[in-house]
Amino acid sequence: MEFITLGLFLAGLGFCIFSGIQVLYALVFGLVCFSGYCLIRGYSVRETLAMLLEGMGKVSNILIIFILIGSLTALWRICGTIPFILYHAMGFINPRFLCCVPFFCAP
């Protein structure tokens, strides 16, 4: 039964990735699958919710960090910081320094 539950979750995740749907839907689908597995194993709804909340409490710091990183990179993209850095970093690249690498040298 464990492999079926895990397989369903991985199938949902693969479907979301290959079809371009947000991965959040696959995570919610996985939550439903694993919660259903707990109920089938004999845990009550209250016990399942308690385990769910306990697990969320353990990873809350990681989730906050992911939210902050996502917000920061979105802000950088909106403000044009990444293209600005790339534009000015290209000025430091000189083709003359790449000739010491045999792969880049013209015959």
N, C-alpha and C. Protein backbone atom coordinates (compact mmCIF):
# COMPACT_ATOMS: atom_id res chain seq x y z
N MET A 1 0.82 -1.20 0.00
CA MET A 1 0.00 0.00 0.00
C MET A 1 0.86 1.26 0.00
N GLU A 2 2.04 1.16 0.66
CA GLU A 2 2.93 2.32 0.69
C GLU A 2 3.40 2.70 -0.70
N PHE A 3 3.73 1.69 -1.50
CA PHE A 3 4.23 1.96 -2.85
C PHE A 3 3.14 2.55 -3.74
N ILE A 4 1.91 2.12 -3.53
CA ILE A 4 0.80 2.67 -4.32
C ILE A 4 0.60 4.15 -3.99
N THR A 5 0.64 4.47 -2.68
CA THR A 5 0.46 5.86 -2.26
C THR A 5 1.59 6.73 -2.80
N LEU A 6 2.82 6.25 -2.64
CA LEU A 6 3.97 7.01 -3.15
C LEU A 6 3.92 7.12 -4.67
N GLY A 7 3.51 6.04 -5.34
CA GLY A 7 3.39 6.07 -6.79
C GLY A 7 2.35 7.06 -7.27
N LEU A 8 1.23 7.14 -6.57
CA LEU A 8 0.20 8.12 -6.93
C LEU A 8 0.73 9.54 -6.80
N PHE A 9 1.44 9.79 -5.70
CA PHE A 9 2.00 11.12 -5.51
C PHE A 9 3.02 11.45 -6.59
N LEU A 10 3.92 10.52 -6.90
CA LEU A 10 4.92 10.77 -7.94
C LEU A 10 4.28 10.93 -9.31
N ALA A 11 3.21 10.19 -9.58
CA ALA A 11 2.50 10.35 -10.85
C ALA A 11 1.87 11.74 -10.94
N GLY A 12 1.27 12.18 -9.84
CA GLY A 12 0.69 13.53 -9.81
C GLY A 12 1.75 14.60 -9.99
N LEU A 13 2.90 14.40 -9.34
CA LEU A 13 4.00 15.35 -9.48
C LEU A 13 4.53 15.39 -10.91
N GLY A 14 4.71 14.21 -11.50
CA GLY A 14 5.17 14.16 -12.89
C GLY A 14 4.18 14.79 -13.85
N PHE A 15 2.90 14.54 -13.61
CA PHE A 15 1.88 15.15 -14.46
C PHE A 15 1.94 16.67 -14.38
N CYS A 16 2.08 17.21 -13.17
CA CYS A 16 2.14 18.67 -13.03
C CYS A 16 3.38 19.25 -13.70
N ILE A 17 4.50 18.57 -13.56
CA ILE A 17 5.74 19.07 -14.15
C ILE A 17 5.66 19.06 -15.68
N PHE A 18 5.22 17.94 -16.25
CA PHE A 18 5.21 17.83 -17.70
C PHE A 18 4.09 18.60 -18.38
N SER A 19 3.01 18.86 -17.65
CA SER A 19 1.92 19.62 -18.26
C SER A 19 2.00 21.11 -17.97
N GLY A 20 2.95 21.52 -17.16
CA GLY A 20 3.13 22.94 -16.88
C GLY A 20 2.21 23.48 -15.80
N ILE A 21 1.53 22.60 -15.09
CA ILE A 21 0.66 23.02 -13.99
C ILE A 21 1.54 23.29 -12.77
N GLN A 22 1.11 24.20 -11.90
CA GLN A 22 1.88 24.52 -10.71
C GLN A 22 2.07 23.28 -9.85
N VAL A 23 3.25 23.15 -9.26
CA VAL A 23 3.58 22.00 -8.44
C VAL A 23 2.78 22.01 -7.14
N LEU A 24 2.26 23.16 -6.76
CA LEU A 24 1.45 23.25 -5.55
C LEU A 24 0.28 22.27 -5.59
N TYR A 25 -0.32 22.09 -6.76
CA TYR A 25 -1.44 21.16 -6.89
C TYR A 25 -0.98 19.72 -6.63
N ALA A 26 0.22 19.39 -7.08
CA ALA A 26 0.75 18.05 -6.81
C ALA A 26 1.01 17.86 -5.32
N LEU A 27 1.47 18.90 -4.65
CA LEU A 27 1.70 18.79 -3.21
C LEU A 27 0.40 18.61 -2.45
N VAL A 28 -0.65 19.31 -2.85
CA VAL A 28 -1.96 19.13 -2.22
C VAL A 28 -2.49 17.73 -2.50
N PHE A 29 -2.30 17.25 -3.72
CA PHE A 29 -2.70 15.89 -4.07
C PHE A 29 -1.95 14.87 -3.22
N GLY A 30 -0.65 15.10 -3.01
CA GLY A 30 0.14 14.22 -2.15
C GLY A 30 -0.35 14.25 -0.72
N LEU A 31 -0.73 15.42 -0.24
CA LEU A 31 -1.27 15.54 1.11
C LEU A 31 -2.55 14.71 1.25
N VAL A 32 -3.39 14.77 0.25
CA VAL A 32 -4.63 13.98 0.27
C VAL A 32 -4.31 12.48 0.22
N CYS A 33 -3.37 12.10 -0.64
CA CYS A 33 -3.00 10.68 -0.75
C CYS A 33 -2.45 10.14 0.56
N PHE A 34 -1.51 10.86 1.16
CA PHE A 34 -0.89 10.38 2.39
C PHE A 34 -1.85 10.45 3.57
N SER A 35 -2.73 11.42 3.58
CA SER A 35 -3.75 11.48 4.64
C SER A 35 -4.72 10.30 4.50
N GLY A 36 -5.10 9.99 3.28
CA GLY A 36 -5.95 8.82 3.03
C GLY A 36 -5.27 7.54 3.45
N TYR A 37 -3.96 7.45 3.21
CA TYR A 37 -3.19 6.28 3.64
C TYR A 37 -3.22 6.14 5.16
N CYS A 38 -3.09 7.25 5.87
CA CYS A 38 -3.15 7.22 7.34
C CYS A 38 -4.52 6.72 7.80
N LEU A 39 -5.56 7.20 7.15
CA LEU A 39 -6.90 6.78 7.53
C LEU A 39 -7.11 5.29 7.26
N ILE A 40 -6.56 4.80 6.15
CA ILE A 40 -6.67 3.37 5.84
C ILE A 40 -5.90 2.54 6.85
N ARG A 41 -4.77 3.06 7.33
CA ARG A 41 -3.96 2.34 8.31
C ARG A 41 -4.59 2.29 9.70
N GLY A 42 -5.70 3.01 9.90
CA GLY A 42 -6.41 2.92 11.15
C GLY A 42 -6.30 4.13 12.06
N TYR A 43 -5.60 5.16 11.62
CA TYR A 43 -5.53 6.38 12.43
C TYR A 43 -6.83 7.15 12.28
N SER A 44 -7.21 7.84 13.34
CA SER A 44 -8.43 8.65 13.27
C SER A 44 -8.13 9.96 12.55
N VAL A 45 -9.17 10.69 12.21
CA VAL A 45 -9.00 11.98 11.53
C VAL A 45 -8.25 12.94 12.46
N ARG A 46 -8.57 12.90 13.74
CA ARG A 46 -7.90 13.78 14.70
C ARG A 46 -6.41 13.46 14.80
N GLU A 47 -6.06 12.18 14.82
CA GLU A 47 -4.65 11.78 14.88
C GLU A 47 -3.92 12.18 13.60
N THR A 48 -4.59 12.01 12.47
CA THR A 48 -3.99 12.39 11.19
C THR A 48 -3.72 13.89 11.14
N LEU A 49 -4.69 14.69 11.57
CA LEU A 49 -4.49 16.14 11.60
C LEU A 49 -3.40 16.54 12.58
N ALA A 50 -3.32 15.84 13.72
CA ALA A 50 -2.27 16.14 14.70
C ALA A 50 -0.89 15.85 14.10
N MET A 51 -0.76 14.72 13.38
CA MET A 51 0.52 14.41 12.73
C MET A 51 0.85 15.44 11.65
N LEU A 52 -0.16 15.87 10.93
CA LEU A 52 0.02 16.88 9.89
C LEU A 52 0.52 18.19 10.48
N LEU A 53 -0.11 18.64 11.55
CA LEU A 53 0.30 19.90 12.18
C LEU A 53 1.68 19.78 12.82
N GLU A 54 1.99 18.62 13.39
CA GLU A 54 3.31 18.42 13.97
C GLU A 54 4.40 18.49 12.90
N GLY A 55 4.14 17.88 11.75
CA GLY A 55 5.10 17.93 10.64
C GLY A 55 5.27 19.33 10.09
N MET A 56 4.16 20.07 10.00
CA MET A 56 4.25 21.45 9.52
C MET A 56 5.03 22.32 10.50
N GLY A 57 4.89 22.04 11.80
CA GLY A 57 5.64 22.79 12.80
C GLY A 57 7.13 22.56 12.70
N LYS A 58 7.52 21.34 12.32
CA LYS A 58 8.94 21.02 12.20
C LYS A 58 9.60 21.72 11.02
N VAL A 59 8.85 21.96 9.95
CA VAL A 59 9.44 22.54 8.75
C VAL A 59 9.03 23.99 8.54
N SER A 60 8.42 24.61 9.54
CA SER A 60 7.93 25.98 9.36
C SER A 60 9.06 26.96 9.05
N ASN A 61 10.22 26.80 9.69
CA ASN A 61 11.35 27.71 9.40
C ASN A 61 11.81 27.57 7.96
N ILE A 62 11.84 26.36 7.46
CA ILE A 62 12.25 26.14 6.07
C ILE A 62 11.25 26.77 5.12
N LEU A 63 9.96 26.62 5.41
CA LEU A 63 8.94 27.22 4.55
C LEU A 63 9.04 28.74 4.54
N ILE A 64 9.32 29.34 5.69
CA ILE A 64 9.49 30.80 5.75
C ILE A 64 10.69 31.23 4.91
N ILE A 65 11.78 30.48 4.98
CA ILE A 65 12.96 30.82 4.18
C ILE A 65 12.65 30.71 2.69
N PHE A 66 11.93 29.65 2.27
CA PHE A 66 11.55 29.52 0.86
C PHE A 66 10.67 30.68 0.41
N ILE A 67 9.76 31.10 1.24
CA ILE A 67 8.89 32.23 0.89
C ILE A 67 9.72 33.51 0.74
N LEU A 68 10.67 33.72 1.65
CA LEU A 68 11.51 34.92 1.57
C LEU A 68 12.41 34.90 0.33
N ILE A 69 12.99 33.75 0.02
CA ILE A 69 13.84 33.63 -1.18
C ILE A 69 13.01 33.86 -2.44
N GLY A 70 11.83 33.27 -2.49
CA GLY A 70 10.95 33.47 -3.65
C GLY A 70 10.55 34.92 -3.81
N SER A 71 10.26 35.58 -2.71
CA SER A 71 9.89 37.00 -2.77
C SER A 71 11.06 37.85 -3.24
N LEU A 72 12.25 37.55 -2.73
CA LEU A 72 13.43 38.34 -3.09
C LEU A 72 13.76 38.18 -4.57
N THR A 73 13.74 36.94 -5.07
CA THR A 73 14.07 36.75 -6.48
C THR A 73 12.98 37.34 -7.39
N ALA A 74 11.73 37.28 -6.96
CA ALA A 74 10.67 37.91 -7.76
C ALA A 74 10.86 39.42 -7.79
N LEU A 75 11.25 39.99 -6.67
CA LEU A 75 11.50 41.42 -6.62
C LEU A 75 12.68 41.80 -7.51
N TRP A 76 13.73 40.99 -7.51
CA TRP A 76 14.88 41.24 -8.38
C TRP A 76 14.47 41.20 -9.85
N ARG A 77 13.63 40.24 -10.21
CA ARG A 77 13.20 40.13 -11.60
C ARG A 77 12.36 41.33 -12.01
N ILE A 78 11.47 41.77 -11.13
CA ILE A 78 10.61 42.91 -11.44
C ILE A 78 11.43 44.18 -11.59
N CYS A 79 12.42 44.36 -10.71
CA CYS A 79 13.22 45.59 -10.72
C CYS A 79 14.30 45.58 -11.80
N GLY A 80 14.56 44.43 -12.41
CA GLY A 80 15.58 44.38 -13.45
C GLY A 80 16.99 44.21 -12.91
N THR A 81 17.12 43.74 -11.69
CA THR A 81 18.44 43.58 -11.09
C THR A 81 19.25 42.50 -11.79
N ILE A 82 18.64 41.39 -12.12
CA ILE A 82 19.37 40.29 -12.76
C ILE A 82 19.87 40.69 -14.15
N PRO A 83 19.05 41.29 -15.02
CA PRO A 83 19.61 41.75 -16.30
C PRO A 83 20.69 42.81 -16.12
N PHE A 84 20.56 43.66 -15.12
CA PHE A 84 21.57 44.69 -14.84
C PHE A 84 22.92 44.04 -14.49
N ILE A 85 22.87 43.04 -13.63
CA ILE A 85 24.11 42.35 -13.24
C ILE A 85 24.72 41.63 -14.44
N LEU A 86 23.91 40.96 -15.24
CA LEU A 86 24.44 40.27 -16.42
C LEU A 86 25.03 41.23 -17.43
N TYR A 87 24.36 42.35 -17.65
CA TYR A 87 24.85 43.33 -18.61
C TYR A 87 26.22 43.85 -18.20
N HIS A 88 26.37 44.21 -16.95
CA HIS A 88 27.65 44.76 -16.50
C HIS A 88 28.72 43.69 -16.30
N ALA A 89 28.33 42.46 -16.01
CA ALA A 89 29.31 41.38 -15.87
C ALA A 89 29.90 40.99 -17.21
N MET A 90 29.15 41.18 -18.29
CA MET A 90 29.68 40.85 -19.62
C MET A 90 30.87 41.73 -19.98
N GLY A 91 30.97 42.90 -19.39
CA GLY A 91 32.10 43.78 -19.66
C GLY A 91 33.41 43.25 -19.10
N PHE A 92 33.33 42.35 -18.13
CA PHE A 92 34.55 41.78 -17.54
C PHE A 92 35.10 40.61 -18.34
N ILE A 93 34.31 40.07 -19.26
CA ILE A 93 34.75 38.92 -20.05
C ILE A 93 35.50 39.43 -21.27
N ASN A 94 36.71 38.94 -21.44
CA ASN A 94 37.55 39.34 -22.56
C ASN A 94 37.91 38.07 -23.33
N PRO A 95 37.64 38.02 -24.65
CA PRO A 95 37.92 36.81 -25.42
C PRO A 95 39.40 36.43 -25.42
N ARG A 96 40.25 37.39 -25.22
CA ARG A 96 41.69 37.13 -25.23
C ARG A 96 42.09 36.18 -24.09
N PHE A 97 41.36 36.23 -22.97
CA PHE A 97 41.67 35.34 -21.86
C PHE A 97 41.15 33.93 -22.08
N LEU A 98 40.23 33.75 -23.00
CA LEU A 98 39.69 32.43 -23.27
C LEU A 98 40.57 31.62 -24.21
N CYS A 99 41.55 32.24 -24.85
CA CYS A 99 42.41 31.52 -25.78
C CYS A 99 43.36 30.57 -25.07
N CYS A 100 43.55 30.69 -23.80
CA CYS A 100 44.39 29.76 -23.08
C CYS A 100 43.68 28.42 -22.88
N VAL A 101 42.38 28.38 -23.10
CA VAL A 101 41.61 27.15 -23.00
C VAL A 101 41.51 26.58 -24.43
N PRO A 102 42.04 25.36 -24.65
CA PRO A 102 42.08 24.82 -26.02
C PRO A 102 40.71 24.67 -26.67
N PHE A 103 39.70 24.47 -25.89
CA PHE A 103 38.36 24.27 -26.43
C PHE A 103 37.86 25.53 -27.15
N PHE A 104 38.25 26.72 -26.66
CA PHE A 104 37.74 27.97 -27.21
C PHE A 104 38.63 28.54 -28.32
N CYS A 105 39.80 28.03 -28.49
CA CYS A 105 40.73 28.60 -29.48
C CYS A 105 40.34 28.17 -30.89
N ALA A 106 40.41 29.12 -31.79
CA ALA A 106 40.16 28.82 -33.20
C ALA A 106 41.42 28.20 -33.79
N PRO A 107 41.26 27.25 -34.71
CA PRO A 107 42.46 26.62 -35.32
C PRO A 107 43.22 27.56 -36.20
